PDB file of N, CA and C in Angstrom:
ATOM      1  N   MET A   1      -1.056  37.206   7.863  1.00  0.00           N
ATOM      2  CA  MET A   1      -1.312  36.151   8.841  1.00  0.00           C
ATOM      3  C   MET A   1      -0.045  36.259  10.053  1.00  0.00           C
ATOM      4  N   ASN A   2      -0.677  36.302  11.280  1.00  0.00           N
ATOM      5  CA  ASN A   2       0.529  36.182  11.947  1.00  0.00           C
ATOM      6  C   ASN A   2       1.301  34.995  12.387  1.00  0.00           C
ATOM      7  N   ARG A   3       2.347  34.860  12.889  1.00  0.00           N
ATOM      8  CA  ARG A   3       3.096  33.680  12.953  1.00  0.00           C
ATOM      9  C   ARG A   3       2.305  32.509  13.843  1.00  0.00           C
ATOM     10  N   PHE A   4       1.454  32.921  14.993  1.00  0.00           N
ATOM     11  CA  PHE A   4       0.969  31.820  15.679  1.00  0.00           C
ATOM     12  C   PHE A   4       0.001  31.054  14.513  1.00  0.00           C
ATOM     13  N   ALA A   5      -1.046  31.748  14.157  1.00  0.00           N
ATOM     14  CA  ALA A   5      -2.159  31.475  13.160  1.00  0.00           C
ATOM     15  C   ALA A   5      -1.283  30.367  11.959  1.00  0.00           C
ATOM     16  N   LEU A   6      -0.084  30.907  11.599  1.00  0.00           N
ATOM     17  CA  LEU A   6       0.525  30.019  10.402  1.00  0.00           C
ATOM     18  C   LEU A   6       1.023  28.593  11.219  1.00  0.00           C
ATOM     19  N   VAL A   7       1.562  28.812  12.194  1.00  0.00           N
ATOM     20  CA  VAL A   7       2.083  27.532  13.129  1.00  0.00           C
ATOM     21  C   VAL A   7       0.631  26.592  13.112  1.00  0.00           C
ATOM     22  N   LEU A   8      -0.243  27.188  13.648  1.00  0.00           N
ATOM     23  CA  LEU A   8      -1.581  26.535  13.848  1.00  0.00           C
ATOM     24  C   LEU A   8      -1.997  25.811  12.576  1.00  0.00           C
ATOM     25  N   LYS A   9      -2.003  26.644  11.408  1.00  0.00           N
ATOM     26  CA  LYS A   9      -2.692  26.127  10.083  1.00  0.00           C
ATOM     27  C   LYS A   9      -1.673  25.234   9.506  1.00  0.00           C
ATOM     28  N   SER A  10      -0.414  25.155   9.914  1.00  0.00           N
ATOM     29  CA  SER A  10       0.562  24.006   9.730  1.00  0.00           C
ATOM     30  C   SER A  10       0.464  22.658  10.473  1.00  0.00           C
ATOM     31  N   LEU A  11       0.134  22.932  11.759  1.00  0.00           N
ATOM     32  CA  LEU A  11      -0.209  21.651  12.688  1.00  0.00           C
ATOM     33  C   LEU A  11      -1.181  21.024  12.089  1.00  0.00           C
ATOM     34  N   PHE A  12      -2.598  21.768  11.877  1.00  0.00           N
ATOM     35  CA  PHE A  12      -3.439  21.295  11.394  1.00  0.00           C
ATOM     36  C   PHE A  12      -3.352  20.533  10.102  1.00  0.00           C
ATOM     37  N   LEU A  13      -2.604  21.102   9.077  1.00  0.00           N
ATOM     38  CA  LEU A  13      -2.462  20.372   7.861  1.00  0.00           C
ATOM     39  C   LEU A  13      -1.684  19.079   8.022  1.00  0.00           C
ATOM     40  N   SER A  14      -0.563  18.959   8.723  1.00  0.00           N
ATOM     41  CA  SER A  14       0.023  17.914   8.779  1.00  0.00           C
ATOM     42  C   SER A  14      -0.984  16.698   9.861  1.00  0.00           C
ATOM     43  N   LEU A  15      -1.452  17.186  10.734  1.00  0.00           N
ATOM     44  CA  LEU A  15      -2.399  15.992  11.331  1.00  0.00           C
ATOM     45  C   LEU A  15      -3.275  15.378  10.433  1.00  0.00           C
ATOM     46  N   VAL A  16      -3.919  16.662   9.780  1.00  0.00           N
ATOM     47  CA  VAL A  16      -5.098  15.830   8.523  1.00  0.00           C
ATOM     48  C   VAL A  16      -4.312  14.893   7.513  1.00  0.00           C
ATOM     49  N   LEU A  17      -2.820  15.327   6.999  1.00  0.00           N
ATOM     50  CA  LEU A  17      -2.326  14.607   6.114  1.00  0.00           C
ATOM     51  C   LEU A  17      -1.831  12.939   6.819  1.00  0.00           C
ATOM     52  N   SER A  18      -1.348  13.035   8.052  1.00  0.00           N
ATOM     53  CA  SER A  18      -0.946  12.034   8.837  1.00  0.00           C
ATOM     54  C   SER A  18      -2.113  10.968   9.246  1.00  0.00           C
ATOM     55  N   ALA A  19      -3.148  11.694   9.430  1.00  0.00           N
ATOM     56  CA  ALA A  19      -4.562  10.998   9.815  1.00  0.00           C
ATOM     57  C   ALA A  19      -4.974  10.014   8.536  1.00  0.00           C
ATOM     58  N   SER A  20      -5.024  10.286   7.284  1.00  0.00           N
ATOM     59  CA  SER A  20      -5.259   9.867   6.218  1.00  0.00           C
ATOM     60  C   SER A  20      -4.406   8.765   5.703  1.00  0.00           C
ATOM     61  N   ALA A  21      -3.172   9.024   6.228  1.00  0.00           N
ATOM     62  CA  ALA A  21      -2.141   7.650   6.195  1.00  0.00           C
ATOM     63  C   ALA A  21      -2.643   6.536   6.988  1.00  0.00           C
ATOM     64  N   PHE A  22      -3.080   6.901   8.289  1.00  0.00           N
ATOM     65  CA  PHE A  22      -3.081   5.761   9.012  1.00  0.00           C
ATOM     66  C   PHE A  22      -4.876   5.267   8.523  1.00  0.00           C
ATOM     67  N   ALA A  23      -5.548   5.996   7.981  1.00  0.00           N
ATOM     68  CA  ALA A  23      -6.834   5.593   7.591  1.00  0.00           C
ATOM     69  C   ALA A  23      -6.670   4.526   6.504  1.00  0.00           C
ATOM     70  N   ALA A  24      -5.660   4.511   5.716  1.00  0.00           N
ATOM     71  CA  ALA A  24      -5.740   3.642   4.734  1.00  0.00           C
ATOM     72  C   ALA A  24      -5.418   2.064   5.271  1.00  0.00           C
ATOM     73  N   GLY A  25      -5.033   1.910   6.501  1.00  0.00           N
ATOM     74  CA  GLY A  25      -4.754   0.472   6.857  1.00  0.00           C
ATOM     75  C   GLY A  25      -3.955  -0.478   5.923  1.00  0.00           C
ATOM     76  N   ALA A  26      -4.170  -1.641   6.479  1.00  0.00           N
ATOM     77  CA  ALA A  26      -3.535  -2.900   5.900  1.00  0.00           C
ATOM     78  C   ALA A  26      -4.100  -3.479   4.638  1.00  0.00           C
ATOM     79  N   VAL A  27      -3.613  -3.424   3.996  1.00  0.00           N
ATOM     80  CA  VAL A  27      -3.886  -4.257   2.573  1.00  0.00           C
ATOM     81  C   VAL A  27      -3.102  -5.865   2.590  1.00  0.00           C
ATOM     82  N   ASN A  28      -4.108  -6.656   2.446  1.00  0.00           N
ATOM     83  CA  ASN A  28      -3.710  -8.455   2.404  1.00  0.00           C
ATOM     84  C   ASN A  28      -3.364  -8.437   0.950  1.00  0.00           C
ATOM     85  N   ILE A  29      -2.050  -8.879   0.682  1.00  0.00           N
ATOM     86  CA  ILE A  29      -1.840  -8.813  -0.933  1.00  0.00           C
ATOM     87  C   ILE A  29      -2.058 -10.082  -1.443  1.00  0.00           C
ATOM     88  N   ASN A  30      -2.485 -10.781  -0.381  1.00  0.00           N
ATOM     89  CA  ASN A  30      -2.970 -12.212  -1.297  1.00  0.00           C
ATOM     90  C   ASN A  30      -4.460 -12.480  -1.237  1.00  0.00           C
ATOM     91  N   THR A  31      -5.364 -11.343  -0.912  1.00  0.00           N
ATOM     92  CA  THR A  31      -6.887 -11.310  -1.211  1.00  0.00           C
ATOM     93  C   THR A  31      -7.154 -10.140  -2.040  1.00  0.00           C
ATOM     94  N   ALA A  32      -6.266  -9.059  -2.017  1.00  0.00           N
ATOM     95  CA  ALA A  32      -7.036  -7.652  -2.477  1.00  0.00           C
ATOM     96  C   ALA A  32      -6.883  -7.421  -4.000  1.00  0.00           C
ATOM     97  N   ASP A  33      -7.819  -6.956  -4.746  1.00  0.00           N
ATOM     98  CA  ASP A  33      -7.823  -6.633  -6.178  1.00  0.00           C
ATOM     99  C   ASP A  33      -7.012  -5.579  -6.345  1.00  0.00           C
ATOM    100  N   ALA A  34      -6.781  -5.576  -7.612  1.00  0.00           N
ATOM    101  CA  ALA A  34      -5.778  -4.267  -8.119  1.00  0.00           C
ATOM    102  C   ALA A  34      -5.983  -3.017  -7.742  1.00  0.00           C
ATOM    103  N   PRO A  35      -7.537  -2.534  -7.591  1.00  0.00           N
ATOM    104  CA  PRO A  35      -7.803  -1.197  -7.203  1.00  0.00           C
ATOM    105  C   PRO A  35      -7.604  -1.175  -5.687  1.00  0.00           C
ATOM    106  N   ALA A  36      -7.541  -2.119  -4.747  1.00  0.00           N
ATOM    107  CA  ALA A  36      -7.319  -2.022  -3.257  1.00  0.00           C
ATOM    108  C   ALA A  36      -5.909  -1.838  -3.223  1.00  0.00           C
ATOM    109  N   LEU A  37      -5.022  -2.626  -4.010  1.00  0.00           N
ATOM    110  CA  LEU A  37      -3.643  -2.414  -3.579  1.00  0.00           C
ATOM    111  C   LEU A  37      -3.095  -1.263  -4.088  1.00  0.00           C
ATOM    112  N   ALA A  38      -3.801  -0.769  -5.388  1.00  0.00           N
ATOM    113  CA  ALA A  38      -3.420   0.866  -5.666  1.00  0.00           C
ATOM    114  C   ALA A  38      -3.625   1.794  -4.544  1.00  0.00           C
ATOM    115  N   ALA A  39      -4.860   1.523  -3.839  1.00  0.00           N
ATOM    116  CA  ALA A  39      -5.415   2.545  -3.119  1.00  0.00           C
ATOM    117  C   ALA A  39      -4.490   2.519  -1.616  1.00  0.00           C
ATOM    118  N   GLY A  40      -4.026   1.214  -1.364  1.00  0.00           N
ATOM    119  CA  GLY A  40      -3.637   0.816  -0.170  1.00  0.00           C
ATOM    120  C   GLY A  40      -2.208   0.895  -0.052  1.00  0.00           C
ATOM    121  N   LEU A  41      -1.346   0.845  -0.976  1.00  0.00           N
ATOM    122  CA  LEU A  41      -0.075   0.782  -0.939  1.00  0.00           C
ATOM    123  C   LEU A  41       0.636   1.948  -1.525  1.00  0.00           C
ATOM    124  N   THR A  42       1.754   2.738  -0.858  1.00  0.00           N
ATOM    125  CA  THR A  42       2.374   3.808  -1.281  1.00  0.00           C
ATOM    126  C   THR A  42       3.383   3.498  -2.615  1.00  0.00           C
ATOM    127  N   GLY A  43       3.233   4.173  -3.598  1.00  0.00           N
ATOM    128  CA  GLY A  43       3.964   4.053  -4.866  1.00  0.00           C
ATOM    129  C   GLY A  43       3.455   2.784  -5.565  1.00  0.00           C
ATOM    130  N   VAL A  44       2.273   2.429  -5.188  1.00  0.00           N
ATOM    131  CA  VAL A  44       1.758   1.387  -6.500  1.00  0.00           C
ATOM    132  C   VAL A  44       0.820   1.995  -6.835  1.00  0.00           C
ATOM    133  N   GLY A  45       1.145   2.099  -8.302  1.00  0.00           N
ATOM    134  CA  GLY A  45      -0.413   2.756  -9.110  1.00  0.00           C
ATOM    135  C   GLY A  45      -1.280   1.522  -9.527  1.00  0.00           C
ATOM    136  N   PRO A  46      -2.149   1.667 -10.745  1.00  0.00           N
ATOM    137  CA  PRO A  46      -3.141   0.608 -11.282  1.00  0.00           C
ATOM    138  C   PRO A  46      -2.085  -0.314 -11.662  1.00  0.00           C
ATOM    139  N   ALA A  47      -1.072  -0.020 -12.587  1.00  0.00           N
ATOM    140  CA  ALA A  47      -0.232  -1.127 -13.201  1.00  0.00           C
ATOM    141  C   ALA A  47       0.499  -1.967 -12.633  1.00  0.00           C
ATOM    142  N   LYS A  48       0.944  -1.453 -11.659  1.00  0.00           N
ATOM    143  CA  LYS A  48       1.923  -2.268 -10.693  1.00  0.00           C
ATOM    144  C   LYS A  48       0.943  -3.177  -9.843  1.00  0.00           C
ATOM    145  N   ALA A  49      -0.350  -2.530  -9.568  1.00  0.00           N
ATOM    146  CA  ALA A  49      -1.247  -3.081  -8.570  1.00  0.00           C
ATOM    147  C   ALA A  49      -1.540  -4.495  -9.500  1.00  0.00           C
ATOM    148  N   GLN A  50      -1.764  -4.335 -10.651  1.00  0.00           N
ATOM    149  CA  GLN A  50      -2.541  -5.189 -11.701  1.00  0.00           C
ATOM    150  C   GLN A  50      -1.485  -6.359 -11.722  1.00  0.00           C
ATOM    151  N   ALA A  51       0.081  -5.716 -11.846  1.00  0.00           N
ATOM    152  CA  ALA A  51       1.112  -6.821 -11.883  1.00  0.00           C
ATOM    153  C   ALA A  51       1.421  -7.579 -10.790  1.00  0.00           C
ATOM    154  N   ILE A  52       0.794  -7.148  -9.425  1.00  0.00           N
ATOM    155  CA  ILE A  52       0.934  -8.032  -8.305  1.00  0.00           C
ATOM    156  C   ILE A  52      -0.159  -8.962  -8.476  1.00  0.00           C
ATOM    157  N   VAL A  53      -1.133  -8.852  -8.983  1.00  0.00           N
ATOM    158  CA  VAL A  53      -2.442  -9.534  -8.931  1.00  0.00           C
ATOM    159  C   VAL A  53      -1.968 -10.752  -9.712  1.00  0.00           C
ATOM    160  N   GLU A  54      -1.431 -10.356 -11.271  1.00  0.00           N
ATOM    161  CA  GLU A  54      -0.873 -11.244 -12.331  1.00  0.00           C
ATOM    162  C   GLU A  54       0.153 -12.252 -11.388  1.00  0.00           C
ATOM    163  N   TYR A  55       0.896 -11.809 -10.930  1.00  0.00           N
ATOM    164  CA  TYR A  55       2.236 -12.393 -10.166  1.00  0.00           C
ATOM    165  C   TYR A  55       1.236 -13.453  -9.369  1.00  0.00           C
ATOM    166  N   ARG A  56       0.553 -12.980  -8.354  1.00  0.00           N
ATOM    167  CA  ARG A  56      -0.029 -13.729  -7.469  1.00  0.00           C
ATOM    168  C   ARG A  56      -0.752 -15.064  -8.099  1.00  0.00           C
ATOM    169  N   GLN A  57      -1.486 -14.783  -9.182  1.00  0.00           N
ATOM    170  CA  GLN A  57      -2.210 -15.934  -9.908  1.00  0.00           C
ATOM    171  C   GLN A  57      -1.500 -16.720 -10.449  1.00  0.00           C
ATOM    172  N   ALA A  58      -0.159 -16.320 -10.978  1.00  0.00           N
ATOM    173  CA  ALA A  58       0.785 -17.439 -11.888  1.00  0.00           C
ATOM    174  C   ALA A  58       1.653 -18.152 -10.865  1.00  0.00           C
ATOM    175  N   ASN A  59       1.645 -17.650  -9.534  1.00  0.00           N
ATOM    176  CA  ASN A  59       2.688 -18.274  -8.637  1.00  0.00           C
ATOM    177  C   ASN A  59       2.172 -18.609  -7.290  1.00  0.00           C
ATOM    178  N   GLY A  60       0.770 -18.241  -6.998  1.00  0.00           N
ATOM    179  CA  GLY A  60       0.173 -18.381  -5.734  1.00  0.00           C
ATOM    180  C   GLY A  60       0.463 -17.468  -4.758  1.00  0.00           C
ATOM    181  N   PRO A  61      -0.070 -17.479  -3.590  1.00  0.00           N
ATOM    182  CA  PRO A  61       0.138 -16.616  -2.652  1.00  0.00           C
ATOM    183  C   PRO A  61       1.359 -16.320  -2.022  1.00  0.00           C
ATOM    184  N   PHE A  62       1.539 -15.153  -2.032  1.00  0.00           N
ATOM    185  CA  PHE A  62       2.795 -14.573  -1.344  1.00  0.00           C
ATOM    186  C   PHE A  62       3.132 -15.114   0.153  1.00  0.00           C
ATOM    187  N   LYS A  63       4.523 -15.650   0.295  1.00  0.00           N
ATOM    188  CA  LYS A  63       4.697 -16.190   1.592  1.00  0.00           C
ATOM    189  C   LYS A  63       4.714 -15.394   2.637  1.00  0.00           C
ATOM    190  N   SER A  64       5.566 -13.912   2.053  1.00  0.00           N
ATOM    191  CA  SER A  64       6.370 -13.092   2.759  1.00  0.00           C
ATOM    192  C   SER A  64       6.111 -11.674   2.280  1.00  0.00           C
ATOM    193  N   ALA A  65       6.031 -10.711   2.957  1.00  0.00           N
ATOM    194  CA  ALA A  65       6.288  -9.516   2.347  1.00  0.00           C
ATOM    195  C   ALA A  65       7.198  -9.094   1.417  1.00  0.00           C
ATOM    196  N   ASP A  66       8.498  -9.439   1.534  1.00  0.00           N
ATOM    197  CA  ASP A  66       9.766  -9.621   0.904  1.00  0.00           C
ATOM    198  C   ASP A  66       9.572 -10.196  -0.569  1.00  0.00           C
ATOM    199  N   GLN A  67       8.814 -11.347  -0.657  1.00  0.00           N
ATOM    200  CA  GLN A  67       8.400 -11.632  -1.913  1.00  0.00           C
ATOM    201  C   GLN A  67       7.739 -10.661  -3.004  1.00  0.00           C
ATOM    202  N   LEU A  68       7.136  -9.820  -2.536  1.00  0.00           N
ATOM    203  CA  LEU A  68       6.341  -9.058  -3.222  1.00  0.00           C
ATOM    204  C   LEU A  68       7.460  -8.037  -4.278  1.00  0.00           C
ATOM    205  N   ALA A  69       8.876  -8.169  -3.683  1.00  0.00           N
ATOM    206  CA  ALA A  69       9.629  -7.501  -4.612  1.00  0.00           C
ATOM    207  C   ALA A  69      10.227  -8.260  -5.958  1.00  0.00           C
ATOM    208  N   ALA A  70       9.443  -9.584  -5.917  1.00  0.00           N
ATOM    209  CA  ALA A  70       9.830 -10.326  -6.986  1.00  0.00           C
ATOM    210  C   ALA A  70       8.755 -10.033  -8.241  1.00  0.00           C
ATOM    211  N   VAL A  71       7.749  -9.068  -8.034  1.00  0.00           N
ATOM    212  CA  VAL A  71       6.925  -8.461  -9.247  1.00  0.00           C
ATOM    213  C   VAL A  71       7.562  -7.142  -9.801  1.00  0.00           C
ATOM    214  N   LYS A  72       7.528  -7.554 -11.101  1.00  0.00           N
ATOM    215  CA  LYS A  72       8.083  -6.539 -12.082  1.00  0.00           C
ATOM    216  C   LYS A  72       7.486  -5.041 -11.646  1.00  0.00           C
ATOM    217  N   GLY A  73       8.258  -4.374 -11.362  1.00  0.00           N
ATOM    218  CA  GLY A  73       8.122  -3.069 -10.869  1.00  0.00           C
ATOM    219  C   GLY A  73       8.065  -2.442  -9.605  1.00  0.00           C
ATOM    220  N   ILE A  74       8.034  -3.694  -8.600  1.00  0.00           N
ATOM    221  CA  ILE A  74       7.922  -3.479  -7.353  1.00  0.00           C
ATOM    222  C   ILE A  74       9.411  -3.765  -6.773  1.00  0.00           C
ATOM    223  N   GLY A  75       9.970  -2.849  -5.987  1.00  0.00           N
ATOM    224  CA  GLY A  75      11.448  -3.081  -5.460  1.00  0.00           C
ATOM    225  C   GLY A  75      11.244  -3.179  -4.064  1.00  0.00           C
ATOM    226  N   LEU A  76      12.635  -3.634  -3.580  1.00  0.00           N
ATOM    227  CA  LEU A  76      12.660  -3.778  -2.068  1.00  0.00           C
ATOM    228  C   LEU A  76      12.312  -2.378  -1.327  1.00  0.00           C
ATOM    229  N   ALA A  77      12.725  -1.317  -1.967  1.00  0.00           N
ATOM    230  CA  ALA A  77      12.265   0.035  -1.554  1.00  0.00           C
ATOM    231  C   ALA A  77      10.667   0.222  -1.165  1.00  0.00           C
ATOM    232  N   THR A  78      10.035  -0.121  -2.251  1.00  0.00           N
ATOM    233  CA  THR A  78       8.599  -0.252  -2.343  1.00  0.00           C
ATOM    234  C   THR A  78       7.765  -0.967  -1.043  1.00  0.00           C
ATOM    235  N   VAL A  79       8.644  -2.194  -0.846  1.00  0.00           N
ATOM    236  CA  VAL A  79       8.172  -3.134   0.030  1.00  0.00           C
ATOM    237  C   VAL A  79       8.326  -2.513   1.565  1.00  0.00           C
ATOM    238  N   GLU A  80       9.597  -1.864   1.475  1.00  0.00           N
ATOM    239  CA  GLU A  80       9.954  -1.124   3.105  1.00  0.00           C
ATOM    240  C   GLU A  80       9.061   0.010   3.201  1.00  0.00           C
ATOM    241  N   LYS A  81       8.609   0.755   2.282  1.00  0.00           N
ATOM    242  CA  LYS A  81       7.684   1.979   2.572  1.00  0.00           C
ATOM    243  C   LYS A  81       6.245   1.225   2.870  1.00  0.00           C
ATOM    244  N   ASN A  82       6.014   0.173   2.674  1.00  0.00           N
ATOM    245  CA  ASN A  82       4.681  -0.609   2.805  1.00  0.00           C
ATOM    246  C   ASN A  82       4.665  -1.406   3.862  1.00  0.00           C
ATOM    247  N   ARG A  83       5.960  -1.820   4.303  1.00  0.00           N
ATOM    248  CA  ARG A  83       5.817  -3.012   5.238  1.00  0.00           C
ATOM    249  C   ARG A  83       5.016  -3.113   6.426  1.00  0.00           C
ATOM    250  N   ASP A  84       4.471  -1.930   6.996  1.00  0.00           N
ATOM    251  CA  ASP A  84       3.436  -2.036   7.989  1.00  0.00           C
ATOM    252  C   ASP A  84       2.083  -1.787   7.463  1.00  0.00           C
ATOM    253  N   ARG A  85       2.139  -1.842   6.303  1.00  0.00           N
ATOM    254  CA  ARG A  85       0.347  -1.890   5.422  1.00  0.00           C
ATOM    255  C   ARG A  85       0.209  -3.185   4.805  1.00  0.00           C
ATOM    256  N   ILE A  86       1.232  -3.983   4.986  1.00  0.00           N
ATOM    257  CA  ILE A  86       1.240  -5.086   4.124  1.00  0.00           C
ATOM    258  C   ILE A  86       0.643  -6.182   5.081  1.00  0.00           C
ATOM    259  N   GLU A  87      -0.354  -6.945   4.457  1.00  0.00           N
ATOM    260  CA  GLU A  87      -0.788  -8.167   5.492  1.00  0.00           C
ATOM    261  C   GLU A  87      -0.622  -9.290   4.489  1.00  0.00           C
ATOM    262  N   LEU A  88      -0.422 -10.458   5.319  1.00  0.00           N
ATOM    263  CA  LEU A  88      -0.436 -12.007   4.438  1.00  0.00           C
ATOM    264  C   LEU A  88      -1.456 -12.708   4.809  1.00  0.00           C
ATOM    265  N   GLY A  89      -1.782 -13.782   4.421  1.00  0.00           N
ATOM    266  CA  GLY A  89      -2.630 -14.872   4.564  1.00  0.00           C
ATOM    267  C   GLY A  89      -4.053 -14.899   3.683  1.00  0.00           C
ATOM    268  N   GLY A  90      -4.473 -16.152   3.742  1.00  0.00           N
ATOM    269  CA  GLY A  90      -5.641 -16.075   3.096  1.00  0.00           C
ATOM    270  C   GLY A  90      -5.388 -16.447   1.379  1.00  0.00           C
ATOM    271  N   THR A  91      -6.443 -16.852   0.651  1.00  0.00           N
ATOM    272  CA  THR A  91      -6.258 -16.808  -0.683  1.00  0.00           C
ATOM    273  C   THR A  91      -7.191 -15.914  -1.543  1.00  0.00           C
ATOM    274  N   PRO A  92      -6.682 -15.763  -2.780  1.00  0.00           N
ATOM    275  CA  PRO A  92      -7.667 -14.776  -3.521  1.00  0.00           C
ATOM    276  C   PRO A  92      -8.894 -15.142  -3.650  1.00  0.00           C
ATOM    277  N   ARG A  93     -10.000 -14.352  -3.771  1.00  0.00           N
ATOM    278  CA  ARG A  93     -11.028 -14.615  -4.009  1.00  0.00           C
ATOM    279  C   ARG A  93     -11.356 -14.712  -5.283  1.00  0.00           C
ATOM    280  N   THR A  94     -12.159 -15.552  -5.906  1.00  0.00           N
ATOM    281  CA  THR A  94     -12.596 -15.950  -7.480  1.00  0.00           C
ATOM    282  C   THR A  94     -13.924 -15.442  -7.510  1.00  0.00           C
ATOM    283  N   LYS A  95     -14.251 -14.747  -8.800  1.00  0.00           N
ATOM    284  CA  LYS A  95     -15.400 -14.313  -9.073  1.00  0.00           C
ATOM    285  C   LYS A  95     -16.473 -15.216  -9.889  1.00  0.00           C
TER     286      LYS A  95
END
């Protein structure tokens, strides 16, 4: 493979990966269920997402993105990585 083709392939791959990051969109941490939180927030898997839901149920809606760091397993670094994805407002829907 020549150098030009390699550069094009690399450029295409980086565009695809960055597009998927933007496609994720924002996640409302006050209304999203655990699967939506895990899918929408970087560094948050199913267990941490469930911890977010449980914290919200015990303590009420989040008033700021920084308050998310009070959830066990979520630190300020995780909040900073996701700051542009975190939405606030609303109250969780009950089933």
